[in-house]
Amino acid sequence: MRPMNAPVLTANSLSDGLVEAAREAVGLPAGTRIVAAMSGGVDSTVTAALMARAGYDVVGVTLQLYDHGAAIQKKGACCAGQDIHDARTAAESLGIPHYVLDYESRFRDQVMEDFADAYLRGETPIPCVRCNQTVKFRDLLDVARDLGAEAMATGHYVRRASGSGVAELHRAADPARDQSYFLFATTAEQLAYLRFPLGGLPKPAVRAAAAELGLGVADKPDSQDICFVPEGRYTTVIDRLRPQGAEPGEIVHMDGRVLGRHEGVTRYTIGQRRGLNVAVGDPLFVTRIDAERRQVIVGPREALLTRALTLKETNWLGDGASIEAACETGRPVLARVRSTREPVAGRLALVDGQPGVIFDTHEEGVAPGQACALYAPEAPSRVLGGGFIASAIRAQ
């Protein structure tokens, strides 16, 4: 296991310390069987290569998550046809066995259907979290155990460290690459089995490692957007899975005025300003979505200010028995409500009987369906867990 105070490797020191750092990140004897989750991108390929060079018995596994016959046309799509080909080619070059698992039906049921249903409820889902939570860190971990592996290594940019006898999840050393927000739902049991060899590396060092190791994906672009959404148009997927989401309705001001019509609540998210096609002189933002009445409620920017939120489907990685127990003590936290925003100070509390966060200062644009990742103020890199946002309590 990589110590939290270990030096972060750079491209200049890559040659000398790369393999040893991988061994420290894994913390298991050479020869141990490890499953490497290989998406076909540079990060997961370097992870598999490091595990192999460090002397582990590596087995590569790639998931086919959706119809790659169509997806192969989409550049930068995770686990599309080209990516599966790249993963297979990399495994051959590394001399490790490689398996492709058809998880299309699981991915559709657990990720795509959930994505569409969330929009139909007026929420703003985050499918990457759901994918990690179900298909990758639950189903794939079961496969890794069936293959006799002692651990599974992934290319995620997070760090795993030992705390008081248990594994802790920490932010990546490179803030620009940190993926801890998307992994808040990783359970303690899963974390004990997972390894993240890239957590201490900046992305340029990873690409340099790929080139140094002779991997063909060294210059491959990073995946962009949601993997199953063609050209970033998420409504295309929703309209196909839940066509009722395109039923028209009213755009209503917070004061009750009907300002116009819309072509479906699934076209809108909290905080949205563009595409409303209504005007009252001042800028308007989506402040709430009433899916049952098919209404999109709009108002001024200050109406987005939030003093508290409630959480559902929570996960707790902090000290103590549960997030509910931490709520009862008012545990201080740093809460991150969007992947692109820095965590802000608050405290855990039971809000309307549910686990929630009360902010020290008002947060803006909190959207039900998004994740709220929690970090420890006394150790800001440590992930305490989090949950999906159930509701936002607006400032008065």
Protein backbone atom coordinates (compact mmCIF):
# COMPACT_ATOMS: atom_id res chain seq x y z
CA MET A 1 0.00 0.00 0.00
CA ARG A 2 1.39 3.36 -0.98
CA PRO A 3 2.08 5.60 2.05
CA MET A 4 0.31 8.93 1.88
CA ASN A 5 3.60 10.77 2.37
CA ALA A 6 5.42 8.95 -0.43
CA PRO A 7 6.91 11.25 -3.09
CA VAL A 8 4.73 11.82 -6.13
CA LEU A 9 6.47 10.59 -9.24
CA THR A 10 7.13 12.95 -12.11
CA ALA A 11 8.19 12.25 -15.66
CA ASN A 12 11.83 12.97 -14.66
CA SER A 13 11.90 10.33 -11.93
CA LEU A 14 9.67 7.87 -13.73
CA SER A 15 12.27 5.33 -14.83
CA ASP A 16 13.74 4.71 -11.38
CA GLY A 17 10.64 4.56 -9.23
CA LEU A 18 7.75 3.44 -11.40
CA VAL A 19 7.69 -0.28 -10.67
CA GLU A 20 8.50 0.12 -6.99
CA ALA A 21 5.70 2.67 -6.60
CA ALA A 22 3.30 0.19 -8.19
CA ARG A 23 4.35 -2.49 -5.72
CA GLU A 24 3.84 -0.10 -2.81
CA ALA A 25 0.41 0.88 -4.11
CA VAL A 26 -0.63 -2.78 -4.22
CA GLY A 27 1.07 -3.92 -1.02
CA LEU A 28 0.96 -7.62 -1.95
CA PRO A 29 3.78 -10.10 -2.64
CA ALA A 30 5.02 -10.61 -6.19
CA GLY A 31 3.25 -13.49 -7.88
CA THR A 32 -0.12 -12.58 -6.37
CA ARG A 33 -2.93 -12.73 -8.90
CA ILE A 34 -4.45 -9.34 -9.67
CA VAL A 35 -7.25 -8.52 -12.09
CA ALA A 36 -6.62 -5.33 -14.06
CA ALA A 37 -9.76 -3.58 -15.27
CA MET A 38 -8.84 -2.55 -18.83
CA SER A 39 -11.08 -0.08 -20.66
CA GLY A 40 -8.66 0.35 -23.56
CA GLY A 41 -7.55 3.83 -22.51
CA VAL A 42 -4.10 4.95 -21.50
CA ASP A 43 -4.77 4.97 -17.73
CA SER A 44 -6.04 1.41 -17.40
CA THR A 45 -3.44 0.11 -19.86
CA VAL A 46 -0.58 1.66 -17.89
CA THR A 47 -2.08 0.19 -14.73
CA ALA A 48 -2.03 -3.31 -16.23
CA ALA A 49 1.50 -2.79 -17.52
CA LEU A 50 2.78 -1.64 -14.13
CA MET A 51 1.21 -4.64 -12.42
CA ALA A 52 2.84 -6.99 -14.91
CA ARG A 53 6.27 -5.31 -14.63
CA ALA A 54 6.01 -5.45 -10.84
CA GLY A 55 5.85 -9.25 -11.01
CA TYR A 56 2.16 -9.87 -10.36
CA ASP A 57 0.09 -12.58 -12.02
CA VAL A 58 -2.10 -10.17 -13.99
CA VAL A 59 -5.38 -11.01 -15.70
CA GLY A 60 -6.92 -8.27 -17.86
CA VAL A 61 -10.70 -7.90 -18.01
CA THR A 62 -12.66 -5.57 -20.30
CA LEU A 63 -16.40 -4.97 -20.13
CA GLN A 64 -18.53 -4.60 -23.23
CA LEU A 65 -21.12 -2.21 -21.87
CA TYR A 66 -23.30 -1.41 -24.85
CA ASP A 67 -23.68 -2.07 -28.58
CA HIS A 68 -20.14 -1.52 -29.76
CA GLY A 69 -21.25 -1.98 -33.33
CA ALA A 70 -22.80 1.48 -33.09
CA ALA A 71 -20.50 2.84 -30.40
CA ILE A 72 -17.40 2.23 -32.47
CA GLN A 73 -18.39 5.32 -34.44
CA LYS A 74 -18.08 7.50 -31.34
CA LYS A 75 -14.57 8.72 -30.65
CA GLY A 76 -13.40 8.66 -27.05
CA ALA A 77 -16.19 6.39 -25.83
CA CYS A 78 -15.25 4.14 -22.92
CA CYS A 79 -15.49 0.44 -23.77
CA ALA A 80 -16.62 1.03 -27.36
CA GLY A 81 -15.49 -1.31 -30.12
CA GLN A 82 -12.14 0.37 -30.72
CA ASP A 83 -11.43 0.46 -27.01
CA ILE A 84 -12.06 -3.27 -26.66
CA HIS A 85 -9.67 -3.85 -29.56
CA ASP A 86 -7.04 -1.62 -27.93
CA ALA A 87 -7.37 -3.43 -24.60
CA ARG A 88 -6.99 -6.81 -26.26
CA THR A 89 -3.95 -5.63 -28.24
CA ALA A 90 -2.32 -4.20 -25.10
CA ALA A 91 -2.89 -7.44 -23.18
CA GLU A 92 -1.25 -9.41 -26.00
CA SER A 93 1.77 -7.09 -25.97
CA LEU A 94 2.08 -7.49 -22.18
CA GLY A 95 1.73 -11.27 -22.38
CA ILE A 96 -1.22 -11.45 -19.99
CA PRO A 97 -4.52 -13.30 -20.41
CA HIS A 98 -7.46 -11.09 -21.34
CA TYR A 99 -11.21 -11.57 -21.15
CA VAL A 100 -14.05 -9.51 -22.61
CA LEU A 101 -17.29 -9.81 -20.62
CA ASP A 102 -20.64 -8.98 -22.20
CA TYR A 103 -22.29 -6.72 -19.63
CA GLU A 104 -24.64 -4.97 -22.04
CA SER A 105 -27.85 -6.06 -20.30
CA ARG A 106 -26.49 -5.24 -16.83
CA PHE A 107 -25.25 -1.86 -17.99
CA ARG A 108 -28.59 -1.05 -19.59
CA ASP A 109 -30.59 -2.13 -16.52
CA GLN A 110 -28.36 -0.60 -13.84
CA VAL A 111 -27.01 2.51 -15.54
CA MET A 112 -28.88 3.56 -18.70
CA GLU A 113 -32.40 2.83 -17.43
CA ASP A 114 -31.60 4.52 -14.13
CA PHE A 115 -30.22 7.53 -16.04
CA ALA A 116 -33.44 7.92 -18.03
CA ASP A 117 -35.70 7.40 -15.00
CA ALA A 118 -33.82 10.04 -13.03
CA TYR A 119 -34.37 12.66 -15.73
CA LEU A 120 -38.02 11.64 -15.88
CA ARG A 121 -38.26 12.42 -12.14
CA GLY A 122 -36.78 15.87 -12.73
CA GLU A 123 -33.36 14.94 -11.36
CA THR A 124 -29.89 15.43 -12.82
CA PRO A 125 -28.25 11.99 -12.70
CA ILE A 126 -24.56 11.16 -12.70
CA PRO A 127 -24.23 7.80 -14.48
CA CYS A 128 -20.47 7.45 -13.97
CA VAL A 129 -21.07 7.07 -10.23
CA ARG A 130 -23.81 4.51 -10.83
CA CYS A 131 -21.57 2.56 -13.20
CA ASN A 132 -18.73 2.44 -10.67
CA GLN A 133 -21.18 1.58 -7.92
CA THR A 134 -22.80 -1.37 -9.71
CA VAL A 135 -21.26 -2.80 -12.85
CA LYS A 136 -17.59 -2.11 -12.08
CA PHE A 137 -17.16 -2.25 -8.31
CA ARG A 138 -19.81 -4.84 -7.54
CA ASP A 139 -20.28 -7.18 -10.50
CA LEU A 140 -16.71 -7.01 -11.81
CA LEU A 141 -15.26 -7.51 -8.34
CA ASP A 142 -17.24 -10.74 -8.09
CA VAL A 143 -15.64 -11.88 -11.35
CA ALA A 144 -12.18 -10.97 -10.06
CA ARG A 145 -12.73 -13.10 -6.97
CA ASP A 146 -14.00 -15.98 -9.11
CA LEU A 147 -10.74 -15.76 -11.07
CA GLY A 148 -8.80 -16.24 -7.84
CA ALA A 149 -7.46 -12.68 -7.66
CA GLU A 150 -6.40 -11.14 -4.36
CA ALA A 151 -7.08 -7.61 -5.62
CA MET A 152 -8.38 -5.62 -8.57
CA ALA A 153 -6.40 -2.68 -9.95
CA THR A 154 -7.99 0.18 -11.88
CA GLY A 155 -6.75 3.33 -13.59
CA HIS A 156 -8.77 5.72 -11.44
CA TYR A 157 -7.03 8.80 -10.08
CA VAL A 158 -7.57 8.31 -6.37
CA ARG A 159 -5.36 7.05 -3.56
CA ARG A 160 -5.86 4.24 -1.12
CA ALA A 161 -4.12 4.42 2.24
CA SER A 162 -4.17 2.56 5.52
CA GLY A 163 -5.78 4.32 8.44
CA SER A 164 -6.49 2.68 11.79
CA GLY A 165 -6.24 -0.82 10.42
CA VAL A 166 -8.71 -0.14 7.58
CA ALA A 167 -8.33 1.18 4.05
CA GLU A 168 -9.08 4.86 3.47
CA LEU A 169 -9.98 6.58 0.20
CA HIS A 170 -8.12 9.82 -0.59
CA ARG A 171 -8.09 12.35 -3.39
CA ALA A 172 -5.48 11.98 -6.11
CA ALA A 173 -2.17 13.80 -5.77
CA ASP A 174 -2.97 15.69 -8.99
CA PRO A 175 -6.07 17.84 -8.27
CA ALA A 176 -6.73 18.26 -12.00
CA ARG A 177 -7.19 14.49 -12.39
CA ASP A 178 -8.85 13.64 -9.07
CA GLN A 179 -11.83 11.26 -9.48
CA SER A 180 -12.80 10.84 -5.85
CA TYR A 181 -16.15 12.57 -6.41
CA PHE A 182 -17.19 9.73 -8.72
CA LEU A 183 -16.10 7.05 -6.25
CA PHE A 184 -17.86 8.24 -3.07
CA ALA A 185 -20.09 5.14 -3.19
CA THR A 186 -17.16 2.72 -2.95
CA THR A 187 -17.84 0.63 0.14
CA ALA A 188 -15.30 -0.25 2.81
CA GLU A 189 -15.42 -3.89 1.70
CA GLN A 190 -14.75 -2.94 -1.93
CA LEU A 191 -11.98 -0.55 -0.95
CA ALA A 192 -10.20 -3.33 0.92
CA TYR A 193 -9.99 -5.24 -2.39
CA LEU A 194 -9.26 -2.39 -4.83
CA ARG A 195 -5.91 -0.85 -5.78
CA PHE A 196 -5.24 2.46 -7.57
CA PRO A 197 -1.60 2.59 -8.76
CA LEU A 198 -2.00 5.91 -10.60
CA GLY A 199 -3.26 7.96 -7.65
CA GLY A 200 0.12 9.53 -6.97
CA LEU A 201 0.89 10.38 -10.60
CA PRO A 202 0.13 13.45 -12.72
CA LYS A 203 -1.33 12.62 -16.13
CA PRO A 204 1.82 13.64 -18.09
CA ALA A 205 3.79 11.06 -16.10
CA VAL A 206 1.26 8.37 -16.99
CA ARG A 207 1.55 9.18 -20.69
CA ALA A 208 5.34 9.21 -20.35
CA ALA A 209 5.11 5.80 -18.69
CA ALA A 210 2.98 4.49 -21.56
CA ALA A 211 5.57 5.68 -24.07
CA GLU A 212 8.45 4.29 -22.01
CA LEU A 213 6.72 0.92 -21.75
CA GLY A 214 6.07 0.87 -25.49
CA LEU A 215 2.27 0.91 -25.22
CA GLY A 216 0.39 1.82 -28.37
CA VAL A 217 -2.17 3.93 -26.47
CA ALA A 218 0.41 6.46 -25.18
CA ASP A 219 -1.08 9.26 -27.28
CA LYS A 220 -4.69 8.10 -27.24
CA PRO A 221 -7.12 10.91 -26.29
CA ASP A 222 -8.97 10.69 -23.00
CA SER A 223 -12.61 9.64 -23.11
CA GLN A 224 -15.05 12.54 -23.05
CA ASP A 225 -18.68 13.00 -21.98
CA ILE A 226 -20.95 10.13 -20.96
CA CYS A 227 -19.86 6.98 -22.77
CA PHE A 228 -23.31 5.92 -24.03
CA VAL A 229 -24.48 9.39 -25.07
CA PRO A 230 -23.79 10.11 -28.76
CA GLU A 231 -22.15 13.49 -29.38
CA GLY A 232 -23.13 14.73 -25.92
CA ARG A 233 -26.87 14.81 -26.73
CA TYR A 234 -28.28 13.01 -23.72
CA THR A 235 -31.87 13.69 -24.80
CA THR A 236 -31.36 11.27 -27.70
CA VAL A 237 -30.94 8.43 -25.21
CA ILE A 238 -33.78 9.55 -22.96
CA ASP A 239 -36.22 10.01 -25.82
CA ARG A 240 -35.51 6.45 -26.94
CA LEU A 241 -35.80 4.91 -23.48
CA ARG A 242 -38.50 7.18 -21.99
CA PRO A 243 -40.34 8.97 -24.81
CA GLN A 244 -42.91 10.30 -22.33
CA GLY A 245 -40.20 12.65 -21.06
CA ALA A 246 -40.70 14.74 -24.19
CA GLU A 247 -44.29 15.63 -23.28
CA PRO A 248 -44.72 19.43 -23.32
CA GLY A 249 -45.56 21.54 -20.30
CA GLU A 250 -45.34 24.99 -18.77
CA ILE A 251 -42.41 27.18 -17.84
CA VAL A 252 -43.54 28.91 -14.66
CA HIS A 253 -41.96 31.75 -12.72
CA MET A 254 -41.56 31.28 -8.98
CA ASP A 255 -44.21 33.95 -8.46
CA GLY A 256 -46.76 31.81 -10.34
CA ARG A 257 -46.69 33.49 -13.75
CA VAL A 258 -46.76 31.17 -16.75
CA LEU A 259 -43.98 32.44 -19.02
CA GLY A 260 -44.02 29.92 -21.82
CA ARG A 261 -44.00 26.28 -22.89
CA HIS A 262 -41.32 23.60 -22.99
CA GLU A 263 -40.87 20.37 -24.94
CA GLY A 264 -40.22 18.04 -22.00
CA VAL A 265 -38.83 18.25 -18.46
CA THR A 266 -35.95 15.98 -19.45
CA ARG A 267 -34.46 18.93 -21.40
CA TYR A 268 -33.72 20.89 -18.22
CA THR A 269 -31.46 20.79 -15.18
CA ILE A 270 -31.22 22.89 -12.03
CA GLY A 271 -29.23 26.06 -12.64
CA GLN A 272 -29.78 26.04 -16.40
CA ARG A 273 -30.04 29.45 -18.03
CA ARG A 274 -29.73 28.87 -21.75
CA GLY A 275 -32.50 27.42 -23.86
CA LEU A 276 -35.41 28.69 -21.76
CA ASN A 277 -36.69 30.96 -24.54
CA VAL A 278 -38.52 33.20 -22.08
CA ALA A 279 -37.69 36.74 -21.02
CA VAL A 280 -38.82 39.04 -18.24
CA GLY A 281 -36.00 41.56 -18.38
CA ASP A 282 -33.72 39.89 -15.82
CA PRO A 283 -31.77 36.63 -16.26
CA LEU A 284 -33.75 33.54 -15.31
CA PHE A 285 -32.50 30.15 -14.14
CA VAL A 286 -34.16 26.79 -13.62
CA THR A 287 -34.72 26.58 -9.86
CA ARG A 288 -36.93 23.50 -9.64
CA ILE A 289 -38.46 20.83 -11.85
CA ASP A 290 -41.93 19.51 -11.01
CA ALA A 291 -41.96 16.38 -13.13
CA GLU A 292 -45.39 15.25 -11.96
CA ARG A 293 -47.00 18.49 -13.20
CA ARG A 294 -44.57 18.74 -16.13
CA GLN A 295 -43.56 22.22 -14.96
CA VAL A 296 -40.15 23.86 -15.17
CA ILE A 297 -39.92 26.55 -12.47
CA VAL A 298 -37.60 29.48 -13.09
CA GLY A 299 -36.40 32.44 -11.06
CA PRO A 300 -33.48 34.78 -10.34
CA ARG A 301 -30.01 33.45 -9.58
CA GLU A 302 -30.32 34.11 -5.86
CA ALA A 303 -33.15 31.55 -5.79
CA LEU A 304 -30.52 28.86 -6.41
CA LEU A 305 -28.81 29.52 -3.08
CA THR A 306 -29.06 26.48 -0.82
CA ARG A 307 -28.61 26.30 2.95
CA ALA A 308 -28.93 22.52 3.33
CA LEU A 309 -29.53 19.28 1.45
CA THR A 310 -30.71 15.77 2.17
CA LEU A 311 -29.03 12.58 0.99
CA LYS A 312 -30.22 9.17 -0.19
CA GLU A 313 -28.33 5.96 -0.94
CA THR A 314 -25.56 7.04 1.40
CA ASN A 315 -22.17 5.42 1.88
CA TRP A 316 -19.93 5.98 4.90
CA LEU A 317 -16.13 5.56 4.91
CA GLY A 318 -15.43 7.72 7.93
CA ASP A 319 -14.81 6.76 11.54
CA GLY A 320 -17.81 5.57 13.50
CA ALA A 321 -20.62 3.17 12.80
CA SER A 322 -22.62 5.08 10.20
CA ILE A 323 -23.41 8.39 8.56
CA GLU A 324 -26.52 8.60 10.76
CA ALA A 325 -24.32 8.47 13.86
CA ALA A 326 -22.11 11.19 12.38
CA CYS A 327 -25.22 13.29 11.74
CA GLU A 328 -26.26 13.01 15.37
CA THR A 329 -22.92 14.44 16.50
CA GLY A 330 -22.93 17.21 13.87
CA ARG A 331 -19.69 15.97 12.33
CA PRO A 332 -17.95 18.80 10.38
CA VAL A 333 -17.41 17.96 6.70
CA LEU A 334 -16.36 19.43 3.39
CA ALA A 335 -19.16 18.80 0.89
CA ARG A 336 -18.70 18.66 -2.88
CA VAL A 337 -21.95 18.91 -4.82
CA ARG A 338 -20.54 18.98 -8.37
CA SER A 339 -17.49 17.32 -9.89
CA THR A 340 -16.26 20.70 -11.14
CA ARG A 341 -16.61 22.50 -7.80
CA GLU A 342 -14.37 22.47 -4.76
CA PRO A 343 -15.76 21.15 -1.47
CA VAL A 344 -17.28 23.71 0.89
CA ALA A 345 -17.58 23.65 4.67
CA GLY A 346 -20.64 22.37 6.48
CA ARG A 347 -21.76 19.81 9.01
CA LEU A 348 -23.70 16.58 8.92
CA ALA A 349 -27.16 16.63 10.43
CA LEU A 350 -30.50 14.88 10.23
CA VAL A 351 -32.55 17.12 7.95
CA ASP A 352 -36.25 16.28 7.82
CA GLY A 353 -35.31 12.92 9.32
CA GLN A 354 -32.77 12.10 6.62
CA PRO A 355 -28.97 12.29 6.59
CA GLY A 356 -28.01 15.70 5.23
CA VAL A 357 -25.56 18.56 5.14
CA ILE A 358 -26.07 22.06 6.52
CA PHE A 359 -23.69 24.49 4.81
CA ASP A 360 -21.70 27.11 6.72
CA THR A 361 -22.41 29.52 3.85
CA HIS A 362 -25.02 29.12 1.16
CA GLU A 363 -24.11 26.85 -1.74
CA GLU A 364 -25.47 27.47 -5.26
CA GLY A 365 -27.18 25.27 -7.81
CA VAL A 366 -27.57 22.09 -5.77
CA ALA A 367 -29.40 19.61 -7.99
CA PRO A 368 -31.28 16.49 -6.85
CA GLY A 369 -29.78 13.40 -8.45
CA GLN A 370 -26.21 14.69 -8.38
CA ALA A 371 -23.67 13.25 -5.96
CA CYS A 372 -22.53 14.91 -2.76
CA ALA A 373 -19.07 13.65 -1.83
CA LEU A 374 -17.90 14.28 1.72
CA TYR A 375 -14.34 14.98 2.85
CA ALA A 376 -12.71 15.41 6.27
CA PRO A 377 -11.83 19.04 7.18
CA GLU A 378 -8.97 17.83 9.37
CA ALA A 379 -7.56 15.78 6.46
CA PRO A 380 -9.06 17.37 3.31
CA SER A 381 -7.87 14.63 0.96
CA ARG A 382 -9.76 11.91 2.82
CA VAL A 383 -13.13 10.83 1.44
CA LEU A 384 -15.72 10.19 4.14
CA GLY A 385 -18.33 8.87 1.73
CA GLY A 386 -21.43 10.72 0.65
CA GLY A 387 -24.73 10.13 -1.09
CA PHE A 388 -26.99 11.17 -3.92
CA ILE A 389 -28.75 14.50 -3.37
CA ALA A 390 -32.39 13.85 -2.55
CA SER A 391 -33.51 17.43 -2.01
CA ALA A 392 -32.19 20.95 -1.66
CA ILE A 393 -33.43 23.30 1.06
CA ARG A 394 -33.25 26.75 -0.44
CA ALA A 395 -32.14 29.83 1.46
CA GLN A 396 -34.97 32.02 2.73
